[in-house]
């Protein structure tokens, strides 16, 4: 859904304002991260109430790296499709491609869920 929204937003307000909006969203995310604690580990008699700036959680780095490596080609494809349509002066709603893509992926994931679960958990899945 994000490419659909971002393409339509940049077509309405332009690249600069879209990038400024993205920067503001990232800044807001950094601020909101400060209010999130690690709820997976029990806290035992913590006497240090010092609040430090939390931006990077070392336990999240492997997952973040995987997401980054998977999303860079996706975003490059998105930019290529948008620039190709612009260069050819095609009058189509390119954002609709990503909306349809998201809907198809959602349907595939829901309909094939049992196959994925059976492959991941062969002994416990019935």
C-alpha atoms as a PDB file:
ATOM      1  CA  UNK A   1       0.000   0.000   0.000  1.00  0.00           C
ATOM      2  CA  UNK A   2       2.889   2.384   0.715  1.00  0.00           C
ATOM      3  CA  UNK A   3       4.053   2.688  -2.917  1.00  0.00           C
ATOM      4  CA  UNK A   4       0.482   3.402  -3.987  1.00  0.00           C
ATOM      5  CA  UNK A   5       0.187   6.171  -1.410  1.00  0.00           C
ATOM      6  CA  UNK A   6       3.657   7.603  -2.033  1.00  0.00           C
ATOM      7  CA  UNK A   7       3.266   7.757  -5.809  1.00  0.00           C
ATOM      8  CA  UNK A   8      -0.067   9.513  -5.511  1.00  0.00           C
ATOM      9  CA  UNK A   9       1.289  11.911  -2.870  1.00  0.00           C
ATOM     10  CA  UNK A  10       4.316  12.904  -4.968  1.00  0.00           C
ATOM     11  CA  UNK A  11       2.071  13.466  -7.986  1.00  0.00           C
ATOM     12  CA  UNK A  12      -0.066  15.849  -5.925  1.00  0.00           C
ATOM     13  CA  UNK A  13       2.529  17.765  -3.886  1.00  0.00           C
ATOM     14  CA  UNK A  14       5.795  17.021  -5.750  1.00  0.00           C
ATOM     15  CA  UNK A  15       9.030  15.236  -4.873  1.00  0.00           C
ATOM     16  CA  UNK A  16      10.450  17.880  -2.534  1.00  0.00           C
ATOM     17  CA  UNK A  17       7.396  18.086  -0.314  1.00  0.00           C
ATOM     18  CA  UNK A  18       7.080  14.296  -0.331  1.00  0.00           C
ATOM     19  CA  UNK A  19      10.695  13.953   0.815  1.00  0.00           C
ATOM     20  CA  UNK A  20      10.106  16.596   3.508  1.00  0.00           C
ATOM     21  CA  UNK A  21       7.023  14.681   4.631  1.00  0.00           C
ATOM     22  CA  UNK A  22       9.095  11.490   4.731  1.00  0.00           C
ATOM     23  CA  UNK A  23      11.815  13.208   6.781  1.00  0.00           C
ATOM     24  CA  UNK A  24       9.190  14.498   9.221  1.00  0.00           C
ATOM     25  CA  UNK A  25       7.730  10.985   9.549  1.00  0.00           C
ATOM     26  CA  UNK A  26      11.211   9.587  10.272  1.00  0.00           C
ATOM     27  CA  UNK A  27      11.818  12.243  12.908  1.00  0.00           C
ATOM     28  CA  UNK A  28       8.469  11.447  14.513  1.00  0.00           C
ATOM     29  CA  UNK A  29       9.393   7.743  14.474  1.00  0.00           C
ATOM     30  CA  UNK A  30      12.690   8.467  16.263  1.00  0.00           C
ATOM     31  CA  UNK A  31      10.797  10.445  18.921  1.00  0.00           C
ATOM     32  CA  UNK A  32       8.172   7.725  19.385  1.00  0.00           C
ATOM     33  CA  UNK A  33      10.839   5.018  19.723  1.00  0.00           C
ATOM     34  CA  UNK A  34      11.944   6.712  22.942  1.00  0.00           C
ATOM     35  CA  UNK A  35       8.676   5.621  24.593  1.00  0.00           C
ATOM     36  CA  UNK A  36       9.059   1.938  23.686  1.00  0.00           C
ATOM     37  CA  UNK A  37      10.791  -0.418  26.073  1.00  0.00           C
ATOM     38  CA  UNK A  38      11.913  -3.996  25.662  1.00  0.00           C
ATOM     39  CA  UNK A  39       8.861  -5.857  26.943  1.00  0.00           C
ATOM     40  CA  UNK A  40      10.315  -9.289  26.174  1.00  0.00           C
ATOM     41  CA  UNK A  41      12.727  -9.282  29.108  1.00  0.00           C
ATOM     42  CA  UNK A  42      11.691  -8.945  32.753  1.00  0.00           C
ATOM     43  CA  UNK A  43      13.036  -5.941  34.629  1.00  0.00           C
ATOM     44  CA  UNK A  44      14.647  -6.871  37.945  1.00  0.00           C
ATOM     45  CA  UNK A  45      15.155  -4.064  40.467  1.00  0.00           C
ATOM     46  CA  UNK A  46      16.310  -1.401  38.102  1.00  0.00           C
ATOM     47  CA  UNK A  47      17.680   1.460  40.197  1.00  0.00           C
ATOM     48  CA  UNK A  48      19.096   3.476  37.319  1.00  0.00           C
ATOM     49  CA  UNK A  49      16.325   5.806  36.144  1.00  0.00           C
ATOM     50  CA  UNK A  50      18.611   7.591  33.708  1.00  0.00           C
ATOM     51  CA  UNK A  51      16.885   7.991  30.351  1.00  0.00           C
ATOM     52  CA  UNK A  52      19.243   7.727  27.405  1.00  0.00           C
ATOM     53  CA  UNK A  53      18.462   8.375  23.767  1.00  0.00           C
ATOM     54  CA  UNK A  54      17.393   5.117  22.133  1.00  0.00           C
ATOM     55  CA  UNK A  55      17.721   5.016  18.366  1.00  0.00           C
ATOM     56  CA  UNK A  56      19.267   1.633  17.591  1.00  0.00           C
ATOM     57  CA  UNK A  57      18.415  -1.590  19.385  1.00  0.00           C
ATOM     58  CA  UNK A  58      21.243  -4.071  18.761  1.00  0.00           C
ATOM     59  CA  UNK A  59      18.882  -7.058  18.874  1.00  0.00           C
ATOM     60  CA  UNK A  60      16.910  -5.589  15.955  1.00  0.00           C
ATOM     61  CA  UNK A  61      19.894  -5.092  13.627  1.00  0.00           C
ATOM     62  CA  UNK A  62      19.740  -8.512  11.876  1.00  0.00           C
ATOM     63  CA  UNK A  63      16.029  -8.146  11.143  1.00  0.00           C
ATOM     64  CA  UNK A  64      16.519  -4.550  10.024  1.00  0.00           C
ATOM     65  CA  UNK A  65      19.313  -5.615   7.672  1.00  0.00           C
ATOM     66  CA  UNK A  66      17.136  -8.318   6.104  1.00  0.00           C
ATOM     67  CA  UNK A  67      14.234  -5.902   5.632  1.00  0.00           C
ATOM     68  CA  UNK A  68      16.595  -3.331   4.120  1.00  0.00           C
ATOM     69  CA  UNK A  69      18.117  -5.832   1.696  1.00  0.00           C
ATOM     70  CA  UNK A  70      14.675  -7.002   0.623  1.00  0.00           C
ATOM     71  CA  UNK A  71      13.165  -3.544   0.255  1.00  0.00           C
ATOM     72  CA  UNK A  72      15.947  -1.820  -1.728  1.00  0.00           C
ATOM     73  CA  UNK A  73      15.256  -3.832  -4.925  1.00  0.00           C
ATOM     74  CA  UNK A  74      11.516  -3.301  -4.444  1.00  0.00           C
ATOM     75  CA  UNK A  75      11.930   0.466  -4.189  1.00  0.00           C
ATOM     76  CA  UNK A  76      14.328   0.491  -7.136  1.00  0.00           C
ATOM     77  CA  UNK A  77      11.702  -1.322  -9.205  1.00  0.00           C
ATOM     78  CA  UNK A  78       9.094   1.193  -8.079  1.00  0.00           C
ATOM     79  CA  UNK A  79      11.308   4.124  -9.108  1.00  0.00           C
ATOM     80  CA  UNK A  80      12.108   2.481 -12.449  1.00  0.00           C
ATOM     81  CA  UNK A  81       8.444   1.898 -13.275  1.00  0.00           C
ATOM     82  CA  UNK A  82       7.541   5.477 -12.337  1.00  0.00           C
ATOM     83  CA  UNK A  83      10.382   6.987 -14.385  1.00  0.00           C
ATOM     84  CA  UNK A  84       9.629   4.721 -17.375  1.00  0.00           C
ATOM     85  CA  UNK A  85       5.985   5.809 -17.387  1.00  0.00           C
ATOM     86  CA  UNK A  86       7.024   9.467 -17.079  1.00  0.00           C
ATOM     87  CA  UNK A  87       9.559   9.211 -19.933  1.00  0.00           C
ATOM     88  CA  UNK A  88       7.012   7.642 -22.265  1.00  0.00           C
ATOM     89  CA  UNK A  89       4.346  10.203 -21.299  1.00  0.00           C
ATOM     90  CA  UNK A  90       1.839   7.454 -20.589  1.00  0.00           C
ATOM     91  CA  UNK A  91      -1.412   8.585 -19.058  1.00  0.00           C
ATOM     92  CA  UNK A  92      -1.963   5.759 -16.604  1.00  0.00           C
ATOM     93  CA  UNK A  93      -2.338   5.624 -12.833  1.00  0.00           C
ATOM     94  CA  UNK A  94       0.957   3.904 -12.002  1.00  0.00           C
ATOM     95  CA  UNK A  95       0.108   3.826  -8.297  1.00  0.00           C
ATOM     96  CA  UNK A  96      -2.747   1.435  -9.108  1.00  0.00           C
ATOM     97  CA  UNK A  97      -0.196  -1.212 -10.113  1.00  0.00           C
ATOM     98  CA  UNK A  98       1.143  -1.296  -6.549  1.00  0.00           C
ATOM     99  CA  UNK A  99      -2.365  -1.319  -5.065  1.00  0.00           C
ATOM    100  CA  UNK A 100      -3.326  -4.320  -7.216  1.00  0.00           C
ATOM    101  CA  UNK A 101       0.019  -5.967  -6.398  1.00  0.00           C
ATOM    102  CA  UNK A 102      -0.648  -5.567  -2.646  1.00  0.00           C
ATOM    103  CA  UNK A 103      -4.165  -7.011  -2.975  1.00  0.00           C
ATOM    104  CA  UNK A 104      -2.913 -10.013  -4.983  1.00  0.00           C
ATOM    105  CA  UNK A 105      -0.126 -10.682  -2.448  1.00  0.00           C
ATOM    106  CA  UNK A 106      -2.628 -10.504   0.403  1.00  0.00           C
ATOM    107  CA  UNK A 107      -4.952 -12.995  -1.315  1.00  0.00           C
ATOM    108  CA  UNK A 108      -2.072 -15.361  -2.106  1.00  0.00           C
ATOM    109  CA  UNK A 109      -0.762 -15.253   1.461  1.00  0.00           C
ATOM    110  CA  UNK A 110      -4.192 -15.929   2.950  1.00  0.00           C
ATOM    111  CA  UNK A 111      -5.075 -18.703   0.501  1.00  0.00           C
ATOM    112  CA  UNK A 112      -1.702 -20.485   0.729  1.00  0.00           C
ATOM    113  CA  UNK A 113      -1.272 -20.052   4.488  1.00  0.00           C
ATOM    114  CA  UNK A 114      -1.816 -23.736   5.232  1.00  0.00           C
ATOM    115  CA  UNK A 115       0.888 -24.747   2.727  1.00  0.00           C
ATOM    116  CA  UNK A 116       3.423 -22.392   4.282  1.00  0.00           C
ATOM    117  CA  UNK A 117       2.576 -23.556   7.792  1.00  0.00           C
ATOM    118  CA  UNK A 118       2.849 -27.205   6.748  1.00  0.00           C
ATOM    119  CA  UNK A 119       6.280 -26.560   5.241  1.00  0.00           C
ATOM    120  CA  UNK A 120       7.533 -24.619   8.266  1.00  0.00           C
ATOM    121  CA  UNK A 121       6.066 -26.836  10.979  1.00  0.00           C
ATOM    122  CA  UNK A 122       5.675 -30.341   9.495  1.00  0.00           C
ATOM    123  CA  UNK A 123       5.461 -32.196  12.811  1.00  0.00           C
ATOM    124  CA  UNK A 124       3.122 -29.890  14.734  1.00  0.00           C
ATOM    125  CA  UNK A 125       0.794 -28.702  11.991  1.00  0.00           C
ATOM    126  CA  UNK A 126      -2.355 -30.744  11.382  1.00  0.00           C
END
